[in-house]
Amino acid sequence: MDNLVVVKLGGSSASSPDFARWIEAVEKATGHVVLIPGGGPFANTVRRYQHRIGYDEASAHIMNFLAMEQFGYALKSLGTRMVTATNETAMRQAFADGQIPIWLPAAASLEEPALRNNPEVTSDSVAAWFAGRYPSACLLLVKQLDVPDNATVETLVHAEMVDPVFLDFLQPATRVFLAGPGDIALAGKRFAEGGIPGRELRRAGQLLHAAE
């Protein structure tokens, strides 16, 4: 699938006043857009009850993948063009039907040892890994904070806006964009034009190379 835009919509966005507006914006997309859901309130519930029930980290990690799927089904119910998909065949069919696939990650994530066996992996790294499977894909992270103009991909890690192993799963060819509250006003227009809201984040190595 060429020119894929992978949109990671964090579960924390569910409590944002812009939540419905982001769904509306994504649904205006004219290109090939795949939504990756975060875990949000469902992942928070996993953590909240871990000590109370006593399940271990490995179980909690698996449950967090399932939390992403729960949020995915919630997103599907709120959209008009959204459908769930677990594999590339289903995604291609969604595009053929003019729909927007929401990728449900549990099965693929549990089959990938690097994702399954690392408890530091969150939905951001899952999204980076997914985007890396498609050489021409771009990754858009929708966050609840705007970042400075000089922010890099590494800035997100240092600011704990993504998990600490995010860079391990991000492929060199994957372009990363970030959209925050300041981008929602034009997000629908950008998607409708086949563009990507927010702005592209460079990597620290690219800045050093440009300065030479």
N, C-alpha and C. Protein backbone atom coordinates (compact mmCIF):
# COMPACT_ATOMS: atom_id res chain seq x y z
N MET A 1 0.85 -1.19 0.00
CA MET A 1 0.00 0.00 0.00
C MET A 1 0.89 1.24 0.00
N ASP A 2 0.75 2.06 -1.03
CA ASP A 2 1.59 3.24 -1.19
C ASP A 2 0.94 4.46 -0.55
N ASN A 3 1.82 5.41 -0.14
CA ASN A 3 1.38 6.70 0.39
C ASN A 3 0.40 6.54 1.54
N LEU A 4 0.68 5.61 2.40
CA LEU A 4 -0.18 5.35 3.55
C LEU A 4 0.08 6.39 4.64
N VAL A 5 -0.97 6.91 5.24
CA VAL A 5 -0.85 7.79 6.40
C VAL A 5 -1.39 7.04 7.61
N VAL A 6 -0.51 6.76 8.54
CA VAL A 6 -0.87 6.04 9.75
C VAL A 6 -1.14 7.07 10.84
N VAL A 7 -2.36 7.17 11.29
CA VAL A 7 -2.76 8.16 12.29
C VAL A 7 -2.92 7.48 13.63
N LYS A 8 -2.05 7.80 14.56
CA LYS A 8 -2.16 7.27 15.93
C LYS A 8 -2.99 8.27 16.74
N LEU A 9 -4.19 7.87 17.09
CA LEU A 9 -5.08 8.71 17.89
C LEU A 9 -5.07 8.17 19.31
N GLY A 10 -4.38 8.89 20.18
CA GLY A 10 -4.18 8.42 21.54
C GLY A 10 -5.48 8.29 22.31
N GLY A 11 -5.50 7.30 23.18
CA GLY A 11 -6.68 7.10 24.01
C GLY A 11 -6.96 8.26 24.93
N SER A 12 -5.91 9.02 25.28
CA SER A 12 -6.11 10.18 26.15
C SER A 12 -6.95 11.24 25.47
N SER A 13 -7.04 11.19 24.15
CA SER A 13 -7.85 12.16 23.42
C SER A 13 -9.33 12.02 23.73
N ALA A 14 -9.71 10.87 24.28
CA ALA A 14 -11.13 10.63 24.58
C ALA A 14 -11.67 11.66 25.56
N SER A 15 -10.80 12.20 26.40
CA SER A 15 -11.24 13.19 27.39
C SER A 15 -11.02 14.62 26.91
N SER A 16 -10.57 14.77 25.67
CA SER A 16 -10.29 16.09 25.13
C SER A 16 -11.55 16.69 24.51
N PRO A 17 -11.72 18.01 24.63
CA PRO A 17 -12.87 18.65 23.97
C PRO A 17 -12.77 18.59 22.45
N ASP A 18 -11.57 18.27 21.93
CA ASP A 18 -11.38 18.18 20.48
C ASP A 18 -11.59 16.77 19.93
N PHE A 19 -11.95 15.84 20.78
CA PHE A 19 -12.03 14.43 20.38
C PHE A 19 -12.96 14.24 19.17
N ALA A 20 -14.18 14.74 19.27
CA ALA A 20 -15.14 14.57 18.17
C ALA A 20 -14.66 15.28 16.91
N ARG A 21 -13.97 16.39 17.08
CA ARG A 21 -13.48 17.14 15.92
C ARG A 21 -12.39 16.37 15.19
N TRP A 22 -11.56 15.63 15.94
CA TRP A 22 -10.53 14.84 15.28
C TRP A 22 -11.15 13.69 14.48
N ILE A 23 -12.18 13.09 15.02
CA ILE A 23 -12.86 12.03 14.27
C ILE A 23 -13.46 12.60 12.99
N GLU A 24 -14.11 13.74 13.10
CA GLU A 24 -14.69 14.38 11.92
C GLU A 24 -13.61 14.72 10.90
N ALA A 25 -12.46 15.19 11.39
CA ALA A 25 -11.37 15.57 10.48
C ALA A 25 -10.83 14.35 9.74
N VAL A 26 -10.59 13.27 10.46
CA VAL A 26 -10.06 12.05 9.84
C VAL A 26 -11.03 11.54 8.78
N GLU A 27 -12.31 11.65 9.04
CA GLU A 27 -13.31 11.12 8.11
C GLU A 27 -13.38 11.92 6.81
N LYS A 28 -12.72 13.05 6.75
CA LYS A 28 -12.67 13.83 5.52
C LYS A 28 -11.50 13.42 4.63
N ALA A 29 -10.70 12.47 5.10
CA ALA A 29 -9.50 12.07 4.36
C ALA A 29 -9.86 11.52 2.98
N THR A 30 -9.08 11.92 1.99
CA THR A 30 -9.25 11.42 0.63
C THR A 30 -8.17 10.40 0.26
N GLY A 31 -7.10 10.36 1.04
CA GLY A 31 -6.03 9.41 0.78
C GLY A 31 -6.22 8.14 1.60
N HIS A 32 -5.20 7.30 1.59
CA HIS A 32 -5.23 6.05 2.34
C HIS A 32 -4.78 6.31 3.78
N VAL A 33 -5.73 6.39 4.68
CA VAL A 33 -5.47 6.65 6.09
C VAL A 33 -5.87 5.43 6.91
N VAL A 34 -4.97 5.03 7.80
CA VAL A 34 -5.25 3.94 8.74
C VAL A 34 -5.17 4.51 10.15
N LEU A 35 -6.17 4.26 10.95
CA LEU A 35 -6.18 4.71 12.34
C LEU A 35 -5.60 3.63 13.25
N ILE A 36 -4.69 4.05 14.14
CA ILE A 36 -4.18 3.17 15.18
C ILE A 36 -4.70 3.71 16.51
N PRO A 37 -5.54 2.99 17.22
CA PRO A 37 -6.10 3.50 18.47
C PRO A 37 -5.12 3.33 19.63
N GLY A 38 -5.16 4.29 20.54
CA GLY A 38 -4.43 4.13 21.78
C GLY A 38 -5.25 3.28 22.75
N GLY A 39 -4.74 3.14 23.95
CA GLY A 39 -5.46 2.35 24.94
C GLY A 39 -6.38 3.18 25.81
N GLY A 40 -5.96 4.41 26.08
CA GLY A 40 -6.78 5.36 26.81
C GLY A 40 -7.37 4.87 28.10
N PRO A 41 -8.65 5.14 28.33
CA PRO A 41 -9.28 4.76 29.60
C PRO A 41 -9.29 3.26 29.82
N PHE A 42 -9.23 2.49 28.76
CA PHE A 42 -9.24 1.04 28.90
C PHE A 42 -7.89 0.55 29.42
N ALA A 43 -6.80 1.15 28.92
CA ALA A 43 -5.47 0.81 29.44
C ALA A 43 -5.31 1.30 30.87
N ASN A 44 -5.90 2.45 31.17
CA ASN A 44 -5.84 2.96 32.55
C ASN A 44 -6.51 1.99 33.51
N THR A 45 -7.58 1.38 33.06
CA THR A 45 -8.28 0.40 33.90
C THR A 45 -7.41 -0.82 34.16
N VAL A 46 -6.65 -1.23 33.15
CA VAL A 46 -5.73 -2.36 33.32
C VAL A 46 -4.76 -2.07 34.45
N ARG A 47 -4.19 -0.87 34.45
CA ARG A 47 -3.22 -0.49 35.49
C ARG A 47 -3.90 -0.32 36.85
N ARG A 48 -5.08 0.24 36.82
CA ARG A 48 -5.77 0.53 38.08
C ARG A 48 -6.08 -0.75 38.85
N TYR A 49 -6.40 -1.80 38.12
CA TYR A 49 -6.80 -3.04 38.79
C TYR A 49 -5.68 -4.06 38.92
N GLN A 50 -4.50 -3.73 38.39
CA GLN A 50 -3.41 -4.71 38.43
C GLN A 50 -3.03 -5.09 39.86
N HIS A 51 -2.83 -4.09 40.70
CA HIS A 51 -2.43 -4.38 42.08
C HIS A 51 -3.60 -4.96 42.88
N ARG A 52 -4.80 -4.52 42.54
CA ARG A 52 -5.96 -5.01 43.28
C ARG A 52 -6.22 -6.49 42.99
N ILE A 53 -6.08 -6.88 41.73
CA ILE A 53 -6.33 -8.27 41.35
C ILE A 53 -5.08 -9.12 41.48
N GLY A 54 -3.94 -8.52 41.11
CA GLY A 54 -2.68 -9.24 41.29
C GLY A 54 -2.10 -9.87 40.05
N TYR A 55 -2.61 -9.53 38.85
CA TYR A 55 -2.02 -10.12 37.65
C TYR A 55 -0.66 -9.50 37.37
N ASP A 56 0.21 -10.27 36.69
CA ASP A 56 1.59 -9.85 36.50
C ASP A 56 1.75 -8.90 35.31
N GLU A 57 3.01 -8.42 35.13
CA GLU A 57 3.29 -7.45 34.07
C GLU A 57 3.04 -8.03 32.68
N ALA A 58 3.40 -9.29 32.50
CA ALA A 58 3.20 -9.91 31.19
C ALA A 58 1.72 -9.92 30.82
N SER A 59 0.88 -10.23 31.79
CA SER A 59 -0.57 -10.24 31.53
C SER A 59 -1.09 -8.84 31.28
N ALA A 60 -0.59 -7.88 32.06
CA ALA A 60 -1.02 -6.49 31.88
C ALA A 60 -0.64 -5.98 30.49
N HIS A 61 0.54 -6.39 30.03
CA HIS A 61 1.01 -5.96 28.71
C HIS A 61 0.08 -6.48 27.61
N ILE A 62 -0.30 -7.73 27.71
CA ILE A 62 -1.24 -8.31 26.74
C ILE A 62 -2.59 -7.60 26.82
N MET A 63 -3.03 -7.32 28.02
CA MET A 63 -4.31 -6.65 28.20
C MET A 63 -4.29 -5.24 27.61
N ASN A 64 -3.11 -4.61 27.60
CA ASN A 64 -3.02 -3.28 27.01
C ASN A 64 -3.21 -3.32 25.49
N PHE A 65 -2.74 -4.38 24.84
CA PHE A 65 -3.03 -4.53 23.41
C PHE A 65 -4.54 -4.66 23.19
N LEU A 66 -5.18 -5.40 24.07
CA LEU A 66 -6.64 -5.56 23.96
C LEU A 66 -7.36 -4.25 24.27
N ALA A 67 -6.77 -3.43 25.16
CA ALA A 67 -7.35 -2.12 25.45
C ALA A 67 -7.35 -1.24 24.20
N MET A 68 -6.30 -1.34 23.40
CA MET A 68 -6.27 -0.61 22.13
C MET A 68 -7.42 -1.03 21.23
N GLU A 69 -7.71 -2.32 21.23
CA GLU A 69 -8.81 -2.80 20.39
C GLU A 69 -10.16 -2.29 20.91
N GLN A 70 -10.30 -2.23 22.23
CA GLN A 70 -11.54 -1.70 22.80
C GLN A 70 -11.76 -0.26 22.36
N PHE A 71 -10.69 0.54 22.42
CA PHE A 71 -10.82 1.93 21.98
C PHE A 71 -11.08 1.99 20.48
N GLY A 72 -10.51 1.04 19.74
CA GLY A 72 -10.77 0.97 18.31
C GLY A 72 -12.24 0.77 17.99
N TYR A 73 -12.88 -0.13 18.73
CA TYR A 73 -14.31 -0.36 18.51
C TYR A 73 -15.12 0.88 18.90
N ALA A 74 -14.66 1.59 19.93
CA ALA A 74 -15.34 2.83 20.31
C ALA A 74 -15.25 3.85 19.18
N LEU A 75 -14.06 3.97 18.58
CA LEU A 75 -13.89 4.90 17.47
C LEU A 75 -14.79 4.53 16.30
N LYS A 76 -14.85 3.25 15.99
CA LYS A 76 -15.69 2.79 14.88
C LYS A 76 -17.14 3.22 15.07
N SER A 77 -17.62 3.12 16.30
CA SER A 77 -19.02 3.44 16.57
C SER A 77 -19.30 4.93 16.44
N LEU A 78 -18.25 5.75 16.52
CA LEU A 78 -18.42 7.19 16.49
C LEU A 78 -18.26 7.78 15.09
N GLY A 79 -17.71 6.99 14.18
CA GLY A 79 -17.50 7.47 12.82
C GLY A 79 -18.57 6.96 11.87
N THR A 80 -18.53 7.46 10.65
CA THR A 80 -19.47 7.01 9.62
C THR A 80 -18.77 6.24 8.51
N ARG A 81 -17.44 6.40 8.41
CA ARG A 81 -16.67 5.71 7.36
C ARG A 81 -15.71 4.68 7.94
N MET A 82 -15.72 4.50 9.23
CA MET A 82 -14.69 3.69 9.87
C MET A 82 -15.12 2.23 10.00
N VAL A 83 -14.15 1.34 9.75
CA VAL A 83 -14.35 -0.09 9.91
C VAL A 83 -13.12 -0.66 10.60
N THR A 84 -13.28 -1.77 11.30
CA THR A 84 -12.13 -2.40 11.94
C THR A 84 -11.45 -3.35 10.96
N ALA A 85 -10.15 -3.53 11.16
CA ALA A 85 -9.36 -4.41 10.29
C ALA A 85 -8.23 -5.01 11.10
N THR A 86 -7.94 -6.27 10.85
CA THR A 86 -6.84 -6.94 11.55
C THR A 86 -5.71 -7.34 10.62
N ASN A 87 -5.89 -7.15 9.31
CA ASN A 87 -4.84 -7.55 8.37
C ASN A 87 -4.90 -6.67 7.12
N GLU A 88 -3.89 -6.85 6.27
CA GLU A 88 -3.78 -6.00 5.09
C GLU A 88 -4.91 -6.22 4.11
N THR A 89 -5.39 -7.44 3.99
CA THR A 89 -6.50 -7.72 3.08
C THR A 89 -7.73 -6.91 3.46
N ALA A 90 -8.02 -6.86 4.75
CA ALA A 90 -9.18 -6.09 5.22
C ALA A 90 -8.97 -4.60 5.01
N MET A 91 -7.73 -4.14 5.18
CA MET A 91 -7.46 -2.72 4.96
C MET A 91 -7.62 -2.35 3.49
N ARG A 92 -7.12 -3.19 2.61
CA ARG A 92 -7.27 -2.92 1.18
C ARG A 92 -8.74 -2.89 0.77
N GLN A 93 -9.53 -3.78 1.34
CA GLN A 93 -10.95 -3.80 1.04
C GLN A 93 -11.63 -2.53 1.54
N ALA A 94 -11.21 -2.07 2.72
CA ALA A 94 -11.76 -0.83 3.26
C ALA A 94 -11.48 0.34 2.31
N PHE A 95 -10.25 0.43 1.84
CA PHE A 95 -9.91 1.51 0.91
C PHE A 95 -10.73 1.41 -0.38
N ALA A 96 -10.89 0.20 -0.87
CA ALA A 96 -11.68 -0.01 -2.10
C ALA A 96 -13.13 0.42 -1.91
N ASP A 97 -13.63 0.30 -0.68
CA ASP A 97 -15.01 0.66 -0.37
C ASP A 97 -15.15 2.12 0.08
N GLY A 98 -14.05 2.87 0.05
CA GLY A 98 -14.10 4.26 0.48
C GLY A 98 -14.19 4.43 1.98
N GLN A 99 -13.73 3.44 2.72
CA GLN A 99 -13.80 3.48 4.18
C GLN A 99 -12.42 3.71 4.79
N ILE A 100 -12.40 3.96 6.08
CA ILE A 100 -11.17 4.20 6.81
C ILE A 100 -10.96 3.06 7.80
N PRO A 101 -9.93 2.25 7.60
CA PRO A 101 -9.72 1.12 8.51
C PRO A 101 -9.12 1.54 9.84
N ILE A 102 -9.62 0.94 10.89
CA ILE A 102 -9.02 1.06 12.23
C ILE A 102 -8.32 -0.26 12.49
N TRP A 103 -7.01 -0.22 12.61
CA TRP A 103 -6.25 -1.45 12.76
C TRP A 103 -6.34 -1.94 14.20
N LEU A 104 -6.80 -3.17 14.37
CA LEU A 104 -6.85 -3.81 15.69
C LEU A 104 -5.56 -4.60 15.88
N PRO A 105 -4.72 -4.22 16.85
CA PRO A 105 -3.33 -4.68 16.86
C PRO A 105 -3.02 -5.94 17.63
N ALA A 106 -3.95 -6.49 18.38
CA ALA A 106 -3.60 -7.53 19.34
C ALA A 106 -2.95 -8.75 18.68
N ALA A 107 -3.57 -9.30 17.66
CA ALA A 107 -3.05 -10.53 17.05
C ALA A 107 -1.65 -10.33 16.50
N ALA A 108 -1.45 -9.27 15.70
CA ALA A 108 -0.14 -9.03 15.09
C ALA A 108 0.91 -8.69 16.14
N SER A 109 0.52 -7.92 17.16
CA SER A 109 1.47 -7.53 18.21
C SER A 109 1.94 -8.72 19.02
N LEU A 110 1.03 -9.64 19.29
CA LEU A 110 1.39 -10.81 20.08
C LEU A 110 2.22 -11.81 19.27
N GLU A 111 2.17 -11.70 17.95
CA GLU A 111 2.99 -12.55 17.10
C GLU A 111 4.39 -11.98 16.89
N GLU A 112 4.59 -10.71 17.23
CA GLU A 112 5.87 -10.04 17.05
C GLU A 112 6.61 -10.01 18.39
N PRO A 113 7.69 -10.81 18.55
CA PRO A 113 8.37 -10.89 19.86
C PRO A 113 8.84 -9.54 20.39
N ALA A 114 9.31 -8.66 19.52
CA ALA A 114 9.82 -7.37 19.98
C ALA A 114 8.74 -6.54 20.65
N LEU A 115 7.51 -6.69 20.20
CA LEU A 115 6.38 -5.99 20.82
C LEU A 115 5.85 -6.75 22.02
N ARG A 116 5.70 -8.05 21.85
CA ARG A 116 5.09 -8.88 22.89
C ARG A 116 5.93 -8.95 24.15
N ASN A 117 7.25 -8.98 24.01
CA ASN A 117 8.13 -9.25 25.15
C ASN A 117 8.70 -8.01 25.81
N ASN A 118 8.32 -6.83 25.35
CA ASN A 118 8.87 -5.60 25.92
C ASN A 118 7.76 -4.82 26.62
N PRO A 119 7.75 -4.81 27.95
CA PRO A 119 6.67 -4.14 28.68
C PRO A 119 6.69 -2.62 28.55
N GLU A 120 7.77 -2.06 28.00
CA GLU A 120 7.82 -0.61 27.80
C GLU A 120 7.09 -0.17 26.53
N VAL A 121 6.74 -1.12 25.71
CA VAL A 121 6.02 -0.81 24.47
C VAL A 121 4.61 -0.33 24.78
N THR A 122 4.25 0.81 24.20
CA THR A 122 2.87 1.29 24.28
C THR A 122 2.34 1.44 22.86
N SER A 123 1.17 2.02 22.75
CA SER A 123 0.54 2.15 21.44
C SER A 123 1.35 3.01 20.47
N ASP A 124 2.17 3.93 20.98
CA ASP A 124 3.00 4.75 20.09
C ASP A 124 4.03 3.88 19.37
N SER A 125 4.69 3.00 20.10
CA SER A 125 5.66 2.10 19.47
C SER A 125 4.97 1.11 18.53
N VAL A 126 3.78 0.67 18.91
CA VAL A 126 3.02 -0.21 18.02
C VAL A 126 2.73 0.51 16.70
N ALA A 127 2.35 1.78 16.79
CA ALA A 127 2.07 2.56 15.58
C ALA A 127 3.33 2.74 14.74
N ALA A 128 4.47 3.00 15.40
CA ALA A 128 5.73 3.15 14.68
C ALA A 128 6.11 1.85 13.98
N TRP A 129 5.94 0.74 14.68
CA TRP A 129 6.24 -0.57 14.09
C TRP A 129 5.34 -0.83 12.88
N PHE A 130 4.06 -0.54 13.02
CA PHE A 130 3.12 -0.75 11.92
C PHE A 130 3.50 0.10 10.71
N ALA A 131 3.78 1.38 10.94
CA ALA A 131 4.15 2.27 9.83
C ALA A 131 5.42 1.79 9.15
N GLY A 132 6.33 1.23 9.92
CA GLY A 132 7.59 0.76 9.36
C GLY A 132 7.46 -0.42 8.43
N ARG A 133 6.32 -1.06 8.44
CA ARG A 133 6.08 -2.19 7.53
C ARG A 133 5.81 -1.72 6.11
N TYR A 134 5.57 -0.42 5.94
CA TYR A 134 5.25 0.14 4.63
C TYR A 134 6.24 1.25 4.32
N PRO A 135 7.16 1.04 3.38
CA PRO A 135 8.27 1.96 3.14
C PRO A 135 7.88 3.41 2.89
N SER A 136 6.73 3.64 2.26
CA SER A 136 6.34 5.01 1.93
C SER A 136 5.36 5.61 2.94
N ALA A 137 5.13 4.93 4.04
CA ALA A 137 4.14 5.39 5.02
C ALA A 137 4.65 6.58 5.83
N CYS A 138 3.73 7.44 6.21
CA CYS A 138 4.00 8.52 7.16
C CYS A 138 3.23 8.23 8.44
N LEU A 139 3.79 8.65 9.55
CA LEU A 139 3.16 8.44 10.85
C LEU A 139 2.76 9.77 11.45
N LEU A 140 1.47 9.94 11.71
CA LEU A 140 0.96 11.14 12.36
C LEU A 140 0.55 10.80 13.78
N LEU A 141 1.18 11.47 14.74
CA LEU A 141 0.83 11.31 16.15
C LEU A 141 -0.06 12.47 16.56
N VAL A 142 -1.27 12.17 16.99
CA VAL A 142 -2.18 13.19 17.49
C VAL A 142 -2.03 13.23 19.00
N LYS A 143 -1.56 14.37 19.50
CA LYS A 143 -1.29 14.51 20.93
C LYS A 143 -2.12 15.65 21.51
N GLN A 144 -2.17 15.69 22.82
CA GLN A 144 -2.96 16.71 23.51
C GLN A 144 -2.12 17.92 23.90
N LEU A 145 -0.88 17.97 23.39
CA LEU A 145 0.02 19.09 23.64
C LEU A 145 0.64 19.53 22.33
N ASP A 146 0.83 20.83 22.17
CA ASP A 146 1.62 21.35 21.07
C ASP A 146 3.08 21.36 21.49
N VAL A 147 3.98 21.26 20.54
CA VAL A 147 5.41 21.25 20.85
C VAL A 147 6.08 22.45 20.21
N PRO A 148 7.25 22.87 20.72
CA PRO A 148 7.96 24.01 20.13
C PRO A 148 8.35 23.74 18.68
N ASP A 149 8.60 24.82 17.95
CA ASP A 149 8.94 24.69 16.53
C ASP A 149 10.22 23.91 16.30
N ASN A 150 11.13 23.95 17.27
CA ASN A 150 12.41 23.26 17.10
C ASN A 150 12.39 21.84 17.65
N ALA A 151 11.22 21.33 17.98
CA ALA A 151 11.13 19.98 18.53
C ALA A 151 11.52 18.95 17.48
N THR A 152 12.16 17.88 17.94
CA THR A 152 12.53 16.77 17.07
C THR A 152 11.79 15.51 17.54
N VAL A 153 11.97 14.44 16.80
CA VAL A 153 11.39 13.17 17.22
C VAL A 153 11.94 12.79 18.60
N GLU A 154 13.23 13.04 18.81
CA GLU A 154 13.84 12.72 20.10
C GLU A 154 13.24 13.55 21.23
N THR A 155 12.77 14.75 20.90
CA THR A 155 12.12 15.59 21.92
C THR A 155 10.92 14.88 22.52
N LEU A 156 10.18 14.17 21.70
CA LEU A 156 8.99 13.47 22.19
C LEU A 156 9.37 12.42 23.23
N VAL A 157 10.49 11.73 23.00
CA VAL A 157 10.94 10.72 23.95
C VAL A 157 11.38 11.38 25.25
N HIS A 158 12.20 12.42 25.14
CA HIS A 158 12.70 13.10 26.34
C HIS A 158 11.57 13.72 27.16
N ALA A 159 10.54 14.20 26.47
CA ALA A 159 9.40 14.81 27.16
C ALA A 159 8.37 13.78 27.60
N GLU A 160 8.66 12.50 27.36
CA GLU A 160 7.77 11.39 27.71
C GLU A 160 6.40 11.51 27.04
N MET A 161 6.40 12.08 25.83
CA MET A 161 5.18 12.14 25.04
C MET A 161 4.97 10.84 24.27
N VAL A 162 6.02 10.06 24.14
CA VAL A 162 5.95 8.70 23.60
C VAL A 162 6.74 7.80 24.54
N ASP A 163 6.62 6.50 24.37
CA ASP A 163 7.31 5.59 25.29
C ASP A 163 8.82 5.57 25.00
N PRO A 164 9.61 5.11 25.96
CA PRO A 164 11.08 5.19 25.84
C PRO A 164 11.69 4.33 24.74
N VAL A 165 10.93 3.38 24.20
CA VAL A 165 11.48 2.52 23.15
C VAL A 165 10.93 2.88 21.77
N PHE A 166 10.26 4.01 21.68
CA PHE A 166 9.65 4.44 20.42
C PHE A 166 10.66 4.47 19.28
N LEU A 167 11.85 5.02 19.54
CA LEU A 167 12.85 5.15 18.48
C LEU A 167 13.37 3.79 18.01
N ASP A 168 13.29 2.80 18.87
CA ASP A 168 13.73 1.45 18.49
C ASP A 168 12.84 0.85 17.41
N PHE A 169 11.59 1.28 17.38
CA PHE A 169 10.63 0.73 16.42
C PHE A 169 10.40 1.63 15.21
N LEU A 170 10.95 2.84 15.27
CA LEU A 170 10.76 3.80 14.18
C LEU A 170 11.80 3.56 13.09
N GLN A 171 11.34 3.27 11.90
CA GLN A 171 12.25 3.01 10.79
C GLN A 171 12.78 4.32 10.20
N PRO A 172 14.02 4.31 9.69
CA PRO A 172 14.61 5.53 9.13
C PRO A 172 13.76 6.17 8.03
N ALA A 173 13.06 5.34 7.26
CA ALA A 173 12.28 5.88 6.14
C ALA A 173 10.93 6.46 6.56
N THR A 174 10.52 6.23 7.80
CA THR A 174 9.21 6.69 8.24
C THR A 174 9.25 8.16 8.62
N ARG A 175 8.49 8.97 7.93
CA ARG A 175 8.38 10.39 8.27
C ARG A 175 7.37 10.54 9.41
N VAL A 176 7.72 11.35 10.40
CA VAL A 176 6.88 11.52 11.58
C VAL A 176 6.31 12.93 11.62
N PHE A 177 5.00 13.00 11.81
CA PHE A 177 4.31 14.27 11.95
C PHE A 177 3.64 14.30 13.32
N LEU A 178 3.48 15.49 13.87
CA LEU A 178 2.78 15.63 15.14
C LEU A 178 1.73 16.72 15.01
N ALA A 179 0.53 16.43 15.48
CA ALA A 179 -0.56 17.41 15.50
C ALA A 179 -1.07 17.55 16.92
N GLY A 180 -1.26 18.79 17.34
CA GLY A 180 -1.76 19.06 18.68
C GLY A 180 -3.02 19.90 18.62
N PRO A 181 -3.44 20.45 19.75
CA PRO A 181 -4.67 21.25 19.79
C PRO A 181 -4.67 22.41 18.80
N GLY A 182 -3.49 22.98 18.55
CA GLY A 182 -3.41 24.11 17.64
C GLY A 182 -3.63 23.75 16.18
N ASP A 183 -3.69 22.47 15.88
CA ASP A 183 -3.83 22.03 14.49
C ASP A 183 -5.23 21.56 14.12
N ILE A 184 -6.11 21.45 15.10
CA ILE A 184 -7.42 20.86 14.83
C ILE A 184 -8.26 21.72 13.88
N ALA A 185 -8.10 23.03 13.93
CA ALA A 185 -8.95 23.91 13.11
C ALA A 185 -8.80 23.62 11.62
N LEU A 186 -7.60 23.29 11.18
CA LEU A 186 -7.35 23.05 9.76
C LEU A 186 -7.16 21.57 9.43
N ALA A 187 -7.34 20.71 10.41
CA ALA A 187 -7.07 19.29 10.20
C ALA A 187 -7.96 18.67 9.13
N GLY A 188 -9.25 18.96 9.18
CA GLY A 188 -10.16 18.41 8.19
C GLY A 188 -9.81 18.85 6.79
N LYS A 189 -9.46 20.11 6.63
CA LYS A 189 -9.08 20.64 5.32
C LYS A 189 -7.83 19.94 4.81
N ARG A 190 -6.86 19.75 5.70
CA ARG A 190 -5.61 19.09 5.29
C ARG A 190 -5.88 17.66 4.84
N PHE A 191 -6.68 16.93 5.62
CA PHE A 191 -7.00 15.55 5.23
C PHE A 191 -7.76 15.52 3.90
N ALA A 192 -8.70 16.45 3.73
CA ALA A 192 -9.51 16.48 2.51
C ALA A 192 -8.66 16.76 1.28
N GLU A 193 -7.58 17.50 1.46
CA GLU A 193 -6.67 17.82 0.36
C GLU A 193 -5.64 16.72 0.13
N GLY A 194 -5.71 15.67 0.92
CA GLY A 194 -4.72 14.60 0.80
C GLY A 194 -3.45 14.87 1.56
N GLY A 195 -3.48 15.88 2.42
CA GLY A 195 -2.30 16.24 3.20
C GLY A 195 -2.33 15.65 4.60
N ILE A 196 -1.39 16.12 5.43
CA ILE A 196 -1.26 15.64 6.80
C ILE A 196 -1.28 16.84 7.73
N PRO A 197 -2.17 16.88 8.71
CA PRO A 197 -2.22 18.00 9.66
C PRO A 197 -0.94 18.06 10.50
N GLY A 198 -0.76 19.19 11.16
CA GLY A 198 0.40 19.35 12.03
C GLY A 198 1.65 19.65 11.22
N ARG A 199 2.78 19.21 11.74
CA ARG A 199 4.03 19.47 11.04
C ARG A 199 4.97 18.29 11.19
N GLU A 200 5.88 18.19 10.25
CA GLU A 200 6.83 17.09 10.28
C GLU A 200 7.93 17.36 11.30
N LEU A 201 8.28 16.35 12.05
CA LEU A 201 9.36 16.44 13.02
C LEU A 201 10.63 15.85 12.41
N ARG A 202 11.69 16.62 12.45
CA ARG A 202 12.97 16.10 11.99
C ARG A 202 13.61 15.29 13.11
N ARG A 203 14.65 14.60 12.76
CA ARG A 203 15.38 13.82 13.76
C ARG A 203 16.68 14.53 14.08
N ALA A 204 17.19 14.29 15.27
CA ALA A 204 18.39 15.00 15.72
C ALA A 204 19.53 14.82 14.73
N GLY A 205 19.68 13.63 14.20
CA GLY A 205 20.75 13.38 13.24
C GLY A 205 20.61 14.21 11.98
N GLN A 206 19.38 14.46 11.55
CA GLN A 206 19.15 15.28 10.37
C GLN A 206 19.55 16.72 10.62
N LEU A 207 19.30 17.22 11.83
CA LEU A 207 19.67 18.59 12.16
C LEU A 207 21.18 18.75 12.19
N LEU A 208 21.88 17.75 12.74
CA LEU A 208 23.34 17.82 12.78
C LEU A 208 23.91 17.79 11.37
N HIS A 209 23.33 16.96 10.52
CA HIS A 209 23.81 16.87 9.14
C HIS A 209 23.57 18.19 8.40
N ALA A 210 22.42 18.81 8.65
CA ALA A 210 22.10 20.07 7.98
C ALA A 210 23.02 21.19 8.43
N ALA A 211 23.51 21.11 9.69
CA ALA A 211 24.36 22.16 10.23
C ALA A 211 25.80 22.05 9.75
N GLU A 212 26.17 20.91 9.19
CA GLU A 212 27.56 20.71 8.75
C GLU A 212 27.86 21.47 7.46
